[in-house]
Amino acid sequence: MQEDKLIEAAHEGSAGAQCVLGQWMLDGRGGARDAEAAFRWFLKAAAQGHVMGTNMAGRCHENGWGTPVDFFAAGNWYRQAARLGLPEAMYNLANLLQAGKGVKLDHAAALALYRDAADRGHTKSKTKIGRYYEDGLVVEKSADTAMFCYREAAEGGDFRGQFAYAGMLAARGRMHEALAWLRKVPETATPAYMQSAGELLLQSPHAGFQAVGREMLARAGAATA
């Protein structure tokens, strides 16, 4: 019944319903995944100025969901949604700027967007900011600032932030705390991330890190089996 009402509202022109329906179709909720139909619904929502629909139109272009990969188009959609204040779009546009995909590589602009998104509570952006300070790229290198950013991201639930924070803790000899954060990573991490993180941990001389690495690899394998 809920799905019928959502479909009816989407066809009647509700941008919010169109965006939600697009996400359902993208996820395969209630049936087979239909990325092309999802993309069409996101476009309909975006045409009405729906900020998340605009962002998702960009995601579809970036990832080839229901439409060919087009980083330039993705950047344009993200830019529109970012101007409307959506932190996720700021983060997505910053990722393109950081990599130079579809846009001119611009780390300073990327960092500014990550900061804006982080100020609006976007946790993943805090991890990205931490990386800039850890690497000393377009900012003065600062392990303390990087660790602060990673801690905030970790506490906010970002698995990349948790892994990075664990690494900073381990570098300071705080192995027990590092292990506790590493064990949280598999709770939300993608299979691909667990695969790469697990392989890294297996190279550690620390038995506890190796054990967590084996767990991550096992979970990654189970998720893709």
N, C-alpha and C. Protein backbone atom coordinates (compact mmCIF):
# COMPACT_ATOMS: atom_id res chain seq x y z
N MET A 1 0.83 -1.20 0.00
CA MET A 1 0.00 0.00 0.00
C MET A 1 0.87 1.26 0.00
N GLN A 2 1.91 1.26 0.82
CA GLN A 2 2.82 2.41 0.89
C GLN A 2 3.47 2.65 -0.46
N GLU A 3 3.88 1.58 -1.12
CA GLU A 3 4.52 1.71 -2.43
C GLU A 3 3.54 2.26 -3.45
N ASP A 4 2.29 1.81 -3.41
CA ASP A 4 1.27 2.29 -4.35
C ASP A 4 1.05 3.80 -4.18
N LYS A 5 1.01 4.25 -2.94
CA LYS A 5 0.81 5.67 -2.67
C LYS A 5 2.00 6.48 -3.15
N LEU A 6 3.19 5.93 -2.98
CA LEU A 6 4.40 6.63 -3.42
C LEU A 6 4.41 6.77 -4.94
N ILE A 7 4.08 5.69 -5.63
CA ILE A 7 4.06 5.72 -7.09
C ILE A 7 3.01 6.71 -7.59
N GLU A 8 1.85 6.71 -6.93
CA GLU A 8 0.79 7.64 -7.32
C GLU A 8 1.25 9.09 -7.13
N ALA A 9 1.88 9.36 -6.00
CA ALA A 9 2.35 10.71 -5.73
C ALA A 9 3.42 11.14 -6.72
N ALA A 10 4.31 10.20 -7.08
CA ALA A 10 5.37 10.51 -8.05
C ALA A 10 4.76 10.86 -9.40
N HIS A 11 3.77 10.08 -9.84
CA HIS A 11 3.14 10.34 -11.13
C HIS A 11 2.32 11.63 -11.11
N GLU A 12 1.86 12.01 -9.92
CA GLU A 12 1.09 13.25 -9.81
C GLU A 12 2.00 14.48 -9.73
N GLY A 13 3.33 14.23 -9.68
CA GLY A 13 4.27 15.35 -9.75
C GLY A 13 4.98 15.72 -8.47
N SER A 14 4.85 14.94 -7.41
CA SER A 14 5.56 15.24 -6.17
C SER A 14 7.05 14.97 -6.34
N ALA A 15 7.86 16.01 -6.26
CA ALA A 15 9.30 15.86 -6.45
C ALA A 15 9.91 14.96 -5.37
N GLY A 16 9.41 15.11 -4.14
CA GLY A 16 9.93 14.27 -3.06
C GLY A 16 9.65 12.80 -3.31
N ALA A 17 8.43 12.51 -3.75
CA ALA A 17 8.06 11.13 -4.06
C ALA A 17 8.86 10.61 -5.24
N GLN A 18 9.11 11.44 -6.21
CA GLN A 18 9.90 11.03 -7.38
C GLN A 18 11.32 10.66 -6.98
N CYS A 19 11.88 11.43 -6.08
CA CYS A 19 13.25 11.14 -5.63
C CYS A 19 13.29 9.84 -4.82
N VAL A 20 12.33 9.67 -3.93
CA VAL A 20 12.29 8.44 -3.13
C VAL A 20 12.06 7.23 -4.03
N LEU A 21 11.16 7.36 -4.98
CA LEU A 21 10.88 6.25 -5.89
C LEU A 21 12.13 5.92 -6.71
N GLY A 22 12.85 6.94 -7.14
CA GLY A 22 14.10 6.70 -7.86
C GLY A 22 15.07 5.91 -7.02
N GLN A 23 15.19 6.26 -5.73
CA GLN A 23 16.11 5.54 -4.85
C GLN A 23 15.65 4.11 -4.65
N TRP A 24 14.35 3.90 -4.51
CA TRP A 24 13.83 2.54 -4.35
C TRP A 24 14.18 1.70 -5.59
N MET A 25 14.00 2.27 -6.76
CA MET A 25 14.30 1.53 -7.98
C MET A 25 15.79 1.28 -8.13
N LEU A 26 16.59 2.24 -7.69
CA LEU A 26 18.03 2.06 -7.75
C LEU A 26 18.48 0.94 -6.81
N ASP A 27 17.83 0.85 -5.66
CA ASP A 27 18.17 -0.17 -4.67
C ASP A 27 17.51 -1.52 -4.95
N GLY A 28 16.54 -1.55 -5.87
CA GLY A 28 15.82 -2.79 -6.13
C GLY A 28 14.81 -3.12 -5.07
N ARG A 29 14.34 -2.10 -4.36
CA ARG A 29 13.35 -2.34 -3.31
C ARG A 29 12.02 -2.74 -3.92
N GLY A 30 11.49 -3.86 -3.50
CA GLY A 30 10.19 -4.33 -3.98
C GLY A 30 10.23 -5.00 -5.34
N GLY A 31 11.42 -5.22 -5.87
CA GLY A 31 11.52 -5.86 -7.18
C GLY A 31 12.93 -5.77 -7.73
N ALA A 32 13.07 -6.01 -9.02
CA ALA A 32 14.39 -5.97 -9.64
C ALA A 32 14.90 -4.53 -9.71
N ARG A 33 16.19 -4.37 -9.60
CA ARG A 33 16.82 -3.05 -9.70
C ARG A 33 16.63 -2.52 -11.12
N ASP A 34 16.24 -1.24 -11.22
CA ASP A 34 16.02 -0.62 -12.52
C ASP A 34 16.68 0.76 -12.50
N ALA A 35 17.97 0.78 -12.84
CA ALA A 35 18.73 2.02 -12.76
C ALA A 35 18.25 3.06 -13.78
N GLU A 36 17.83 2.60 -14.95
CA GLU A 36 17.37 3.55 -15.97
C GLU A 36 16.10 4.27 -15.51
N ALA A 37 15.17 3.52 -14.95
CA ALA A 37 13.94 4.14 -14.44
C ALA A 37 14.27 5.06 -13.27
N ALA A 38 15.20 4.64 -12.42
CA ALA A 38 15.61 5.46 -11.28
C ALA A 38 16.16 6.80 -11.77
N PHE A 39 17.02 6.74 -12.77
CA PHE A 39 17.62 7.96 -13.32
C PHE A 39 16.53 8.90 -13.85
N ARG A 40 15.54 8.35 -14.54
CA ARG A 40 14.46 9.18 -15.07
C ARG A 40 13.69 9.88 -13.96
N TRP A 41 13.46 9.18 -12.84
CA TRP A 41 12.73 9.79 -11.73
C TRP A 41 13.58 10.86 -11.05
N PHE A 42 14.87 10.62 -10.94
CA PHE A 42 15.74 11.65 -10.37
C PHE A 42 15.73 12.91 -11.23
N LEU A 43 15.74 12.73 -12.55
CA LEU A 43 15.70 13.88 -13.45
C LEU A 43 14.40 14.67 -13.28
N LYS A 44 13.29 13.95 -13.12
CA LYS A 44 12.01 14.62 -12.94
C LYS A 44 12.02 15.44 -11.64
N ALA A 45 12.58 14.86 -10.58
CA ALA A 45 12.66 15.59 -9.31
C ALA A 45 13.59 16.79 -9.44
N ALA A 46 14.72 16.58 -10.12
CA ALA A 46 15.69 17.66 -10.28
C ALA A 46 15.11 18.81 -11.09
N ALA A 47 14.29 18.48 -12.08
CA ALA A 47 13.67 19.51 -12.93
C ALA A 47 12.77 20.43 -12.12
N GLN A 48 12.33 19.94 -10.96
CA GLN A 48 11.48 20.76 -10.08
C GLN A 48 12.28 21.44 -8.98
N GLY A 49 13.62 21.31 -9.06
CA GLY A 49 14.47 21.95 -8.07
C GLY A 49 14.67 21.16 -6.81
N HIS A 50 14.31 19.88 -6.82
CA HIS A 50 14.49 19.04 -5.63
C HIS A 50 15.99 18.79 -5.43
N VAL A 51 16.53 19.21 -4.29
CA VAL A 51 17.98 19.23 -4.12
C VAL A 51 18.59 17.83 -4.11
N MET A 52 17.95 16.87 -3.45
CA MET A 52 18.51 15.52 -3.43
C MET A 52 18.34 14.85 -4.79
N GLY A 53 17.24 15.14 -5.47
CA GLY A 53 17.07 14.61 -6.82
C GLY A 53 18.17 15.12 -7.74
N THR A 54 18.54 16.39 -7.56
CA THR A 54 19.62 16.99 -8.34
C THR A 54 20.94 16.29 -8.04
N ASN A 55 21.21 16.06 -6.77
CA ASN A 55 22.43 15.36 -6.39
C ASN A 55 22.46 13.94 -6.95
N MET A 56 21.32 13.25 -6.89
CA MET A 56 21.28 11.87 -7.37
C MET A 56 21.40 11.78 -8.89
N ALA A 57 20.94 12.81 -9.61
CA ALA A 57 21.18 12.85 -11.05
C ALA A 57 22.69 12.88 -11.30
N GLY A 58 23.41 13.62 -10.47
CA GLY A 58 24.86 13.63 -10.56
C GLY A 58 25.48 12.29 -10.24
N ARG A 59 24.96 11.64 -9.21
CA ARG A 59 25.49 10.32 -8.84
C ARG A 59 25.31 9.32 -9.97
N CYS A 60 24.17 9.40 -10.64
CA CYS A 60 23.91 8.49 -11.76
C CYS A 60 24.92 8.73 -12.88
N HIS A 61 25.18 9.98 -13.19
CA HIS A 61 26.17 10.30 -14.23
C HIS A 61 27.57 9.87 -13.81
N GLU A 62 27.89 10.05 -12.54
CA GLU A 62 29.24 9.70 -12.08
C GLU A 62 29.48 8.20 -12.11
N ASN A 63 28.47 7.44 -11.75
CA ASN A 63 28.63 5.99 -11.60
C ASN A 63 28.07 5.16 -12.74
N GLY A 64 27.45 5.81 -13.72
CA GLY A 64 26.88 5.06 -14.83
C GLY A 64 25.64 4.30 -14.46
N TRP A 65 24.85 4.88 -13.55
CA TRP A 65 23.59 4.24 -13.13
C TRP A 65 22.47 4.70 -14.05
N GLY A 66 22.11 3.86 -15.00
CA GLY A 66 21.00 4.18 -15.89
C GLY A 66 21.34 5.16 -16.99
N THR A 67 22.58 5.58 -17.06
CA THR A 67 23.05 6.53 -18.08
C THR A 67 24.56 6.37 -18.19
N PRO A 68 25.15 6.68 -19.35
CA PRO A 68 26.60 6.54 -19.48
C PRO A 68 27.36 7.42 -18.48
N VAL A 69 28.52 6.97 -18.08
CA VAL A 69 29.37 7.75 -17.18
C VAL A 69 29.74 9.07 -17.85
N ASP A 70 29.52 10.16 -17.13
CA ASP A 70 29.82 11.49 -17.65
C ASP A 70 30.19 12.37 -16.45
N PHE A 71 31.48 12.47 -16.16
CA PHE A 71 31.92 13.22 -14.99
C PHE A 71 31.62 14.71 -15.11
N PHE A 72 31.69 15.23 -16.34
CA PHE A 72 31.39 16.65 -16.53
C PHE A 72 29.94 16.94 -16.16
N ALA A 73 29.03 16.11 -16.64
CA ALA A 73 27.61 16.28 -16.30
C ALA A 73 27.39 16.09 -14.80
N ALA A 74 28.06 15.10 -14.23
CA ALA A 74 27.93 14.87 -12.78
C ALA A 74 28.33 16.12 -12.01
N GLY A 75 29.45 16.73 -12.42
CA GLY A 75 29.91 17.93 -11.75
C GLY A 75 28.91 19.06 -11.83
N ASN A 76 28.25 19.20 -12.97
CA ASN A 76 27.25 20.25 -13.12
C ASN A 76 26.06 20.04 -12.19
N TRP A 77 25.61 18.79 -12.09
CA TRP A 77 24.50 18.50 -11.18
C TRP A 77 24.91 18.74 -9.73
N TYR A 78 26.11 18.27 -9.37
CA TYR A 78 26.57 18.47 -8.00
C TYR A 78 26.69 19.95 -7.67
N ARG A 79 27.18 20.72 -8.62
CA ARG A 79 27.36 22.15 -8.39
C ARG A 79 26.02 22.82 -8.10
N GLN A 80 25.01 22.42 -8.85
CA GLN A 80 23.67 23.00 -8.62
C GLN A 80 23.17 22.66 -7.21
N ALA A 81 23.32 21.39 -6.81
CA ALA A 81 22.84 20.97 -5.50
C ALA A 81 23.69 21.58 -4.38
N ALA A 82 24.98 21.74 -4.62
CA ALA A 82 25.85 22.35 -3.62
C ALA A 82 25.46 23.81 -3.38
N ARG A 83 25.12 24.51 -4.45
CA ARG A 83 24.70 25.91 -4.31
C ARG A 83 23.41 26.03 -3.52
N LEU A 84 22.63 24.95 -3.52
CA LEU A 84 21.39 24.93 -2.73
C LEU A 84 21.63 24.50 -1.29
N GLY A 85 22.91 24.23 -0.96
CA GLY A 85 23.28 23.95 0.42
C GLY A 85 23.31 22.49 0.83
N LEU A 86 23.31 21.56 -0.12
CA LEU A 86 23.29 20.14 0.23
C LEU A 86 24.71 19.65 0.52
N PRO A 87 25.01 19.23 1.75
CA PRO A 87 26.37 18.79 2.09
C PRO A 87 26.84 17.61 1.24
N GLU A 88 25.95 16.67 0.94
CA GLU A 88 26.35 15.50 0.15
C GLU A 88 26.83 15.94 -1.23
N ALA A 89 26.19 16.94 -1.80
CA ALA A 89 26.60 17.42 -3.12
C ALA A 89 27.95 18.14 -3.04
N MET A 90 28.17 18.88 -1.96
CA MET A 90 29.46 19.54 -1.76
C MET A 90 30.57 18.49 -1.71
N TYR A 91 30.30 17.42 -0.97
CA TYR A 91 31.27 16.33 -0.85
C TYR A 91 31.52 15.67 -2.20
N ASN A 92 30.45 15.40 -2.93
CA ASN A 92 30.60 14.73 -4.23
C ASN A 92 31.35 15.60 -5.23
N LEU A 93 31.05 16.89 -5.25
CA LEU A 93 31.75 17.81 -6.15
C LEU A 93 33.22 17.92 -5.74
N ALA A 94 33.47 17.96 -4.44
CA ALA A 94 34.85 18.03 -3.95
C ALA A 94 35.64 16.80 -4.38
N ASN A 95 35.00 15.64 -4.36
CA ASN A 95 35.69 14.42 -4.79
C ASN A 95 36.12 14.52 -6.26
N LEU A 96 35.26 15.11 -7.10
CA LEU A 96 35.63 15.28 -8.51
C LEU A 96 36.78 16.27 -8.64
N LEU A 97 36.72 17.35 -7.88
CA LEU A 97 37.79 18.35 -7.94
C LEU A 97 39.11 17.78 -7.44
N GLN A 98 39.04 16.96 -6.41
CA GLN A 98 40.23 16.34 -5.84
C GLN A 98 40.89 15.40 -6.84
N ALA A 99 40.08 14.75 -7.65
CA ALA A 99 40.60 13.77 -8.62
C ALA A 99 40.77 14.35 -10.02
N GLY A 100 40.23 15.54 -10.26
CA GLY A 100 40.29 16.12 -11.59
C GLY A 100 39.44 15.36 -12.60
N LYS A 101 38.31 14.85 -12.15
CA LYS A 101 37.41 14.09 -13.03
C LYS A 101 36.29 14.99 -13.54
N GLY A 102 36.30 15.28 -14.84
CA GLY A 102 35.27 16.10 -15.43
C GLY A 102 35.41 17.58 -15.13
N VAL A 103 36.32 17.90 -14.24
CA VAL A 103 36.59 19.29 -13.85
C VAL A 103 38.11 19.44 -13.71
N LYS A 104 38.57 20.68 -13.68
CA LYS A 104 39.99 20.92 -13.47
C LYS A 104 40.38 20.55 -12.05
N LEU A 105 41.46 19.81 -11.89
CA LEU A 105 41.92 19.43 -10.56
C LEU A 105 42.17 20.68 -9.73
N ASP A 106 41.58 20.75 -8.56
CA ASP A 106 41.70 21.94 -7.72
C ASP A 106 41.55 21.53 -6.25
N HIS A 107 42.69 21.27 -5.60
CA HIS A 107 42.64 20.81 -4.22
C HIS A 107 42.14 21.90 -3.27
N ALA A 108 42.49 23.14 -3.54
CA ALA A 108 42.05 24.23 -2.66
C ALA A 108 40.52 24.34 -2.68
N ALA A 109 39.94 24.27 -3.87
CA ALA A 109 38.47 24.34 -3.98
C ALA A 109 37.83 23.11 -3.35
N ALA A 110 38.46 21.94 -3.53
CA ALA A 110 37.93 20.72 -2.93
C ALA A 110 37.92 20.83 -1.41
N LEU A 111 39.03 21.29 -0.85
CA LEU A 111 39.11 21.41 0.61
C LEU A 111 38.07 22.40 1.13
N ALA A 112 37.86 23.49 0.42
CA ALA A 112 36.87 24.47 0.85
C ALA A 112 35.47 23.84 0.89
N LEU A 113 35.16 23.01 -0.10
CA LEU A 113 33.86 22.34 -0.12
C LEU A 113 33.75 21.31 0.99
N TYR A 114 34.83 20.57 1.23
CA TYR A 114 34.80 19.60 2.33
C TYR A 114 34.55 20.32 3.66
N ARG A 115 35.19 21.47 3.83
CA ARG A 115 35.01 22.23 5.07
C ARG A 115 33.58 22.73 5.21
N ASP A 116 33.03 23.22 4.11
CA ASP A 116 31.64 23.70 4.14
C ASP A 116 30.70 22.56 4.50
N ALA A 117 30.91 21.40 3.87
CA ALA A 117 30.06 20.24 4.16
C ALA A 117 30.23 19.79 5.60
N ALA A 118 31.48 19.77 6.08
CA ALA A 118 31.74 19.35 7.46
C ALA A 118 31.08 20.29 8.46
N ASP A 119 31.10 21.58 8.16
CA ASP A 119 30.44 22.55 9.04
C ASP A 119 28.94 22.31 9.12
N ARG A 120 28.40 21.65 8.09
CA ARG A 120 26.97 21.33 8.06
C ARG A 120 26.70 19.93 8.59
N GLY A 121 27.73 19.31 9.18
CA GLY A 121 27.56 18.01 9.83
C GLY A 121 27.86 16.80 8.97
N HIS A 122 28.49 17.00 7.80
CA HIS A 122 28.77 15.86 6.92
C HIS A 122 30.04 15.14 7.40
N THR A 123 29.85 13.95 7.92
CA THR A 123 30.94 13.24 8.59
C THR A 123 32.06 12.81 7.65
N LYS A 124 31.70 12.30 6.46
CA LYS A 124 32.73 11.84 5.54
C LYS A 124 33.69 12.95 5.15
N SER A 125 33.19 14.17 5.09
CA SER A 125 34.04 15.30 4.73
C SER A 125 35.12 15.54 5.77
N LYS A 126 34.83 15.22 7.02
CA LYS A 126 35.83 15.39 8.08
C LYS A 126 37.02 14.47 7.86
N THR A 127 36.75 13.27 7.37
CA THR A 127 37.84 12.36 7.05
C THR A 127 38.70 12.93 5.94
N LYS A 128 38.07 13.50 4.93
CA LYS A 128 38.81 14.08 3.81
C LYS A 128 39.68 15.26 4.27
N ILE A 129 39.15 16.08 5.15
CA ILE A 129 39.92 17.20 5.68
C ILE A 129 41.13 16.68 6.45
N GLY A 130 40.91 15.64 7.23
CA GLY A 130 42.02 15.04 7.96
C GLY A 130 43.13 14.57 7.05
N ARG A 131 42.75 14.01 5.92
CA ARG A 131 43.76 13.54 4.96
C ARG A 131 44.60 14.69 4.42
N TYR A 132 43.96 15.82 4.18
CA TYR A 132 44.72 16.98 3.69
C TYR A 132 45.75 17.42 4.72
N TYR A 133 45.37 17.42 5.99
CA TYR A 133 46.32 17.82 7.03
C TYR A 133 47.38 16.75 7.28
N GLU A 134 47.01 15.50 7.14
CA GLU A 134 48.01 14.44 7.31
C GLU A 134 49.06 14.50 6.21
N ASP A 135 48.62 14.80 4.98
CA ASP A 135 49.53 14.85 3.84
C ASP A 135 50.20 16.21 3.66
N GLY A 136 49.65 17.25 4.30
CA GLY A 136 50.20 18.59 4.11
C GLY A 136 49.96 19.13 2.72
N LEU A 137 48.80 18.83 2.16
CA LEU A 137 48.46 19.25 0.81
C LEU A 137 47.56 20.49 0.88
N VAL A 138 48.02 21.60 0.34
CA VAL A 138 47.39 22.93 0.33
C VAL A 138 47.14 23.50 1.74
N VAL A 139 47.59 22.80 2.75
CA VAL A 139 47.57 23.30 4.12
C VAL A 139 48.89 22.89 4.78
N GLU A 140 49.22 23.53 5.88
CA GLU A 140 50.42 23.14 6.62
C GLU A 140 50.19 21.77 7.26
N LYS A 141 51.12 20.88 7.07
CA LYS A 141 51.00 19.53 7.60
C LYS A 141 50.87 19.56 9.11
N SER A 142 49.90 18.81 9.63
CA SER A 142 49.67 18.79 11.07
C SER A 142 49.04 17.46 11.46
N ALA A 143 49.83 16.61 12.08
CA ALA A 143 49.31 15.31 12.52
C ALA A 143 48.24 15.49 13.59
N ASP A 144 48.40 16.50 14.43
CA ASP A 144 47.41 16.73 15.49
C ASP A 144 46.06 17.13 14.91
N THR A 145 46.07 18.02 13.91
CA THR A 145 44.82 18.44 13.29
C THR A 145 44.18 17.27 12.54
N ALA A 146 45.03 16.50 11.85
CA ALA A 146 44.52 15.34 11.13
C ALA A 146 43.86 14.36 12.09
N MET A 147 44.51 14.13 13.22
CA MET A 147 43.97 13.19 14.20
C MET A 147 42.65 13.69 14.77
N PHE A 148 42.55 15.00 14.99
CA PHE A 148 41.30 15.58 15.49
C PHE A 148 40.17 15.36 14.49
N CYS A 149 40.46 15.59 13.21
CA CYS A 149 39.44 15.40 12.16
C CYS A 149 39.03 13.94 12.06
N TYR A 150 40.01 13.05 12.10
CA TYR A 150 39.72 11.62 12.01
C TYR A 150 38.89 11.16 13.20
N ARG A 151 39.21 11.69 14.37
CA ARG A 151 38.45 11.29 15.56
C ARG A 151 36.99 11.70 15.42
N GLU A 152 36.76 12.94 14.97
CA GLU A 152 35.38 13.40 14.80
C GLU A 152 34.64 12.54 13.77
N ALA A 153 35.34 12.20 12.68
CA ALA A 153 34.72 11.37 11.65
C ALA A 153 34.44 9.97 12.19
N ALA A 154 35.39 9.43 12.95
CA ALA A 154 35.22 8.09 13.53
C ALA A 154 34.03 8.07 14.49
N GLU A 155 33.97 9.07 15.33
CA GLU A 155 32.87 9.13 16.30
C GLU A 155 31.53 9.35 15.60
N GLY A 156 31.58 9.96 14.41
CA GLY A 156 30.36 10.17 13.64
C GLY A 156 29.93 8.96 12.84
N GLY A 157 30.76 7.89 12.83
CA GLY A 157 30.38 6.64 12.19
C GLY A 157 30.96 6.39 10.82
N ASP A 158 31.89 7.24 10.35
CA ASP A 158 32.49 7.02 9.04
C ASP A 158 33.58 5.94 9.13
N PHE A 159 33.42 4.86 8.38
CA PHE A 159 34.36 3.75 8.50
C PHE A 159 35.76 4.14 8.03
N ARG A 160 35.86 5.02 7.05
CA ARG A 160 37.19 5.48 6.62
C ARG A 160 37.85 6.30 7.72
N GLY A 161 37.05 7.12 8.38
CA GLY A 161 37.57 7.89 9.50
C GLY A 161 38.00 6.99 10.64
N GLN A 162 37.24 5.93 10.88
CA GLN A 162 37.60 4.99 11.94
C GLN A 162 38.93 4.31 11.65
N PHE A 163 39.12 3.92 10.40
CA PHE A 163 40.38 3.25 10.04
C PHE A 163 41.54 4.23 10.15
N ALA A 164 41.35 5.45 9.65
CA ALA A 164 42.42 6.45 9.71
C ALA A 164 42.74 6.82 11.15
N TYR A 165 41.72 6.97 11.97
CA TYR A 165 41.94 7.32 13.38
C TYR A 165 42.69 6.19 14.09
N ALA A 166 42.33 4.96 13.79
CA ALA A 166 43.04 3.82 14.38
C ALA A 166 44.52 3.86 14.01
N GLY A 167 44.81 4.23 12.77
CA GLY A 167 46.20 4.32 12.35
C GLY A 167 46.97 5.38 13.12
N MET A 168 46.33 6.52 13.36
CA MET A 168 46.99 7.57 14.13
C MET A 168 47.20 7.15 15.58
N LEU A 169 46.22 6.46 16.14
CA LEU A 169 46.37 5.96 17.52
C LEU A 169 47.50 4.95 17.61
N ALA A 170 47.57 4.05 16.64
CA ALA A 170 48.63 3.03 16.64
C ALA A 170 50.00 3.68 16.53
N ALA A 171 50.11 4.74 15.74
CA ALA A 171 51.39 5.43 15.58
C ALA A 171 51.85 6.06 16.89
N ARG A 172 50.90 6.30 17.79
CA ARG A 172 51.22 6.86 19.10
C ARG A 172 51.32 5.79 20.18
N GLY A 173 51.27 4.54 19.77
CA GLY A 173 51.40 3.43 20.70
C GLY A 173 50.15 3.10 21.47
N ARG A 174 49.03 3.66 21.08
CA ARG A 174 47.76 3.42 21.78
C ARG A 174 47.03 2.27 21.09
N MET A 175 47.64 1.10 21.19
CA MET A 175 47.19 -0.06 20.41
C MET A 175 45.81 -0.56 20.82
N HIS A 176 45.52 -0.52 22.11
CA HIS A 176 44.22 -1.03 22.57
C HIS A 176 43.09 -0.18 21.98
N GLU A 177 43.26 1.14 21.99
CA GLU A 177 42.25 2.02 21.41
C GLU A 177 42.15 1.84 19.90
N ALA A 178 43.32 1.67 19.28
CA ALA A 178 43.33 1.47 17.83
C ALA A 178 42.55 0.23 17.44
N LEU A 179 42.75 -0.85 18.17
CA LEU A 179 42.05 -2.10 17.88
C LEU A 179 40.53 -1.94 18.05
N ALA A 180 40.14 -1.20 19.06
CA ALA A 180 38.71 -0.99 19.30
C ALA A 180 38.06 -0.28 18.11
N TRP A 181 38.75 0.69 17.53
CA TRP A 181 38.20 1.41 16.38
C TRP A 181 38.24 0.54 15.12
N LEU A 182 39.29 -0.24 14.97
CA LEU A 182 39.37 -1.12 13.80
C LEU A 182 38.23 -2.13 13.80
N ARG A 183 37.85 -2.59 14.96
CA ARG A 183 36.76 -3.58 15.04
C ARG A 183 35.41 -2.97 14.66
N LYS A 184 35.31 -1.65 14.70
CA LYS A 184 34.07 -0.99 14.31
C LYS A 184 33.94 -0.86 12.79
N VAL A 185 35.07 -0.87 12.09
CA VAL A 185 35.07 -0.63 10.65
C VAL A 185 34.14 -1.58 9.89
N PRO A 186 34.20 -2.91 10.14
CA PRO A 186 33.34 -3.82 9.36
C PRO A 186 31.84 -3.62 9.56
N GLU A 187 31.46 -2.88 10.60
CA GLU A 187 30.03 -2.69 10.86
C GLU A 187 29.34 -1.92 9.73
N THR A 188 30.09 -1.02 9.07
CA THR A 188 29.48 -0.19 8.03
C THR A 188 30.29 -0.14 6.73
N ALA A 189 31.48 -0.69 6.71
CA ALA A 189 32.35 -0.58 5.53
C ALA A 189 31.82 -1.39 4.36
N THR A 190 32.13 -0.94 3.16
CA THR A 190 31.77 -1.68 1.95
C THR A 190 32.69 -2.89 1.80
N PRO A 191 32.26 -3.91 1.07
CA PRO A 191 33.12 -5.07 0.85
C PRO A 191 34.46 -4.69 0.22
N ALA A 192 34.44 -3.77 -0.73
CA ALA A 192 35.68 -3.37 -1.40
C ALA A 192 36.65 -2.72 -0.42
N TYR A 193 36.11 -1.90 0.49
CA TYR A 193 36.98 -1.26 1.47
C TYR A 193 37.53 -2.29 2.45
N MET A 194 36.69 -3.21 2.89
CA MET A 194 37.17 -4.24 3.82
C MET A 194 38.25 -5.10 3.18
N GLN A 195 38.12 -5.34 1.88
CA GLN A 195 39.13 -6.13 1.19
C GLN A 195 40.49 -5.43 1.23
N SER A 196 40.51 -4.15 0.86
CA SER A 196 41.77 -3.42 0.83
C SER A 196 42.32 -3.18 2.24
N ALA A 197 41.42 -2.84 3.19
CA ALA A 197 41.86 -2.61 4.56
C ALA A 197 42.37 -3.89 5.20
N GLY A 198 41.69 -5.00 4.93
CA GLY A 198 42.12 -6.28 5.47
C GLY A 198 43.48 -6.68 4.98
N GLU A 199 43.74 -6.45 3.71
CA GLU A 199 45.05 -6.78 3.15
C GLU A 199 46.15 -5.94 3.79
N LEU A 200 45.86 -4.68 4.06
CA LEU A 200 46.83 -3.82 4.72
C LEU A 200 47.12 -4.31 6.14
N LEU A 201 46.08 -4.67 6.86
CA LEU A 201 46.26 -5.11 8.24
C LEU A 201 47.03 -6.42 8.35
N LEU A 202 46.91 -7.26 7.35
CA LEU A 202 47.66 -8.52 7.37
C LEU A 202 49.16 -8.28 7.29
N GLN A 203 49.56 -7.12 6.79
CA GLN A 203 50.98 -6.80 6.69
C GLN A 203 51.55 -6.25 8.00
N SER A 204 50.66 -6.01 8.98
CA SER A 204 51.10 -5.47 10.26
C SER A 204 51.80 -6.54 11.09
N PRO A 205 52.82 -6.17 11.86
CA PRO A 205 53.47 -7.14 12.75
C PRO A 205 52.64 -7.42 14.01
N HIS A 206 51.58 -6.63 14.21
CA HIS A 206 50.75 -6.76 15.40
C HIS A 206 49.71 -7.85 15.20
N ALA A 207 49.71 -8.84 16.09
CA ALA A 207 48.81 -9.99 15.95
C ALA A 207 47.34 -9.57 15.98
N GLY A 208 47.02 -8.60 16.83
CA GLY A 208 45.64 -8.14 16.91
C GLY A 208 45.17 -7.51 15.62
N PHE A 209 46.04 -6.72 14.99
CA PHE A 209 45.69 -6.10 13.72
C PHE A 209 45.50 -7.17 12.64
N GLN A 210 46.35 -8.16 12.66
CA GLN A 210 46.23 -9.25 11.69
C GLN A 210 44.90 -9.97 11.84
N ALA A 211 44.48 -10.18 13.10
CA ALA A 211 43.21 -10.86 13.35
C ALA A 211 42.03 -10.07 12.80
N VAL A 212 42.06 -8.75 13.01
CA VAL A 212 41.00 -7.90 12.47
C VAL A 212 41.04 -7.92 10.94
N GLY A 213 42.25 -7.94 10.38
CA GLY A 213 42.39 -8.01 8.93
C GLY A 213 41.77 -9.27 8.37
N ARG A 214 41.99 -10.39 9.03
CA ARG A 214 41.39 -11.66 8.56
C ARG A 214 39.87 -11.60 8.65
N GLU A 215 39.37 -10.96 9.70
CA GLU A 215 37.91 -10.83 9.84
C GLU A 215 37.35 -9.98 8.70
N MET A 216 38.04 -8.90 8.37
CA MET A 216 37.56 -8.03 7.28
C MET A 216 37.56 -8.77 5.96
N LEU A 217 38.60 -9.52 5.70
CA LEU A 217 38.67 -10.27 4.44
C LEU A 217 37.58 -11.33 4.37
N ALA A 218 37.31 -11.96 5.51
CA ALA A 218 36.24 -12.97 5.54
C ALA A 218 34.88 -12.34 5.27
N ARG A 219 34.64 -11.18 5.88
CA ARG A 219 33.37 -10.50 5.65
C ARG A 219 33.24 -10.00 4.22
N ALA A 220 34.35 -9.51 3.69
CA ALA A 220 34.33 -9.04 2.29
C ALA A 220 34.01 -10.18 1.34
N GLY A 221 34.61 -11.34 1.61
CA GLY A 221 34.37 -12.51 0.77
C GLY A 221 32.94 -12.99 0.87
N ALA A 222 32.39 -12.96 2.09
CA ALA A 222 31.02 -13.42 2.30
C ALA A 222 30.02 -12.50 1.62
N ALA A 223 30.35 -11.18 1.62
CA ALA A 223 29.44 -10.21 1.03
C ALA A 223 29.38 -10.30 -0.48
N THR A 224 30.47 -10.75 -1.07
CA THR A 224 30.53 -10.80 -2.54
C THR A 224 30.30 -12.21 -3.09
N ALA A 225 30.14 -13.18 -2.19
CA ALA A 225 29.95 -14.56 -2.63
C ALA A 225 28.60 -14.75 -3.29
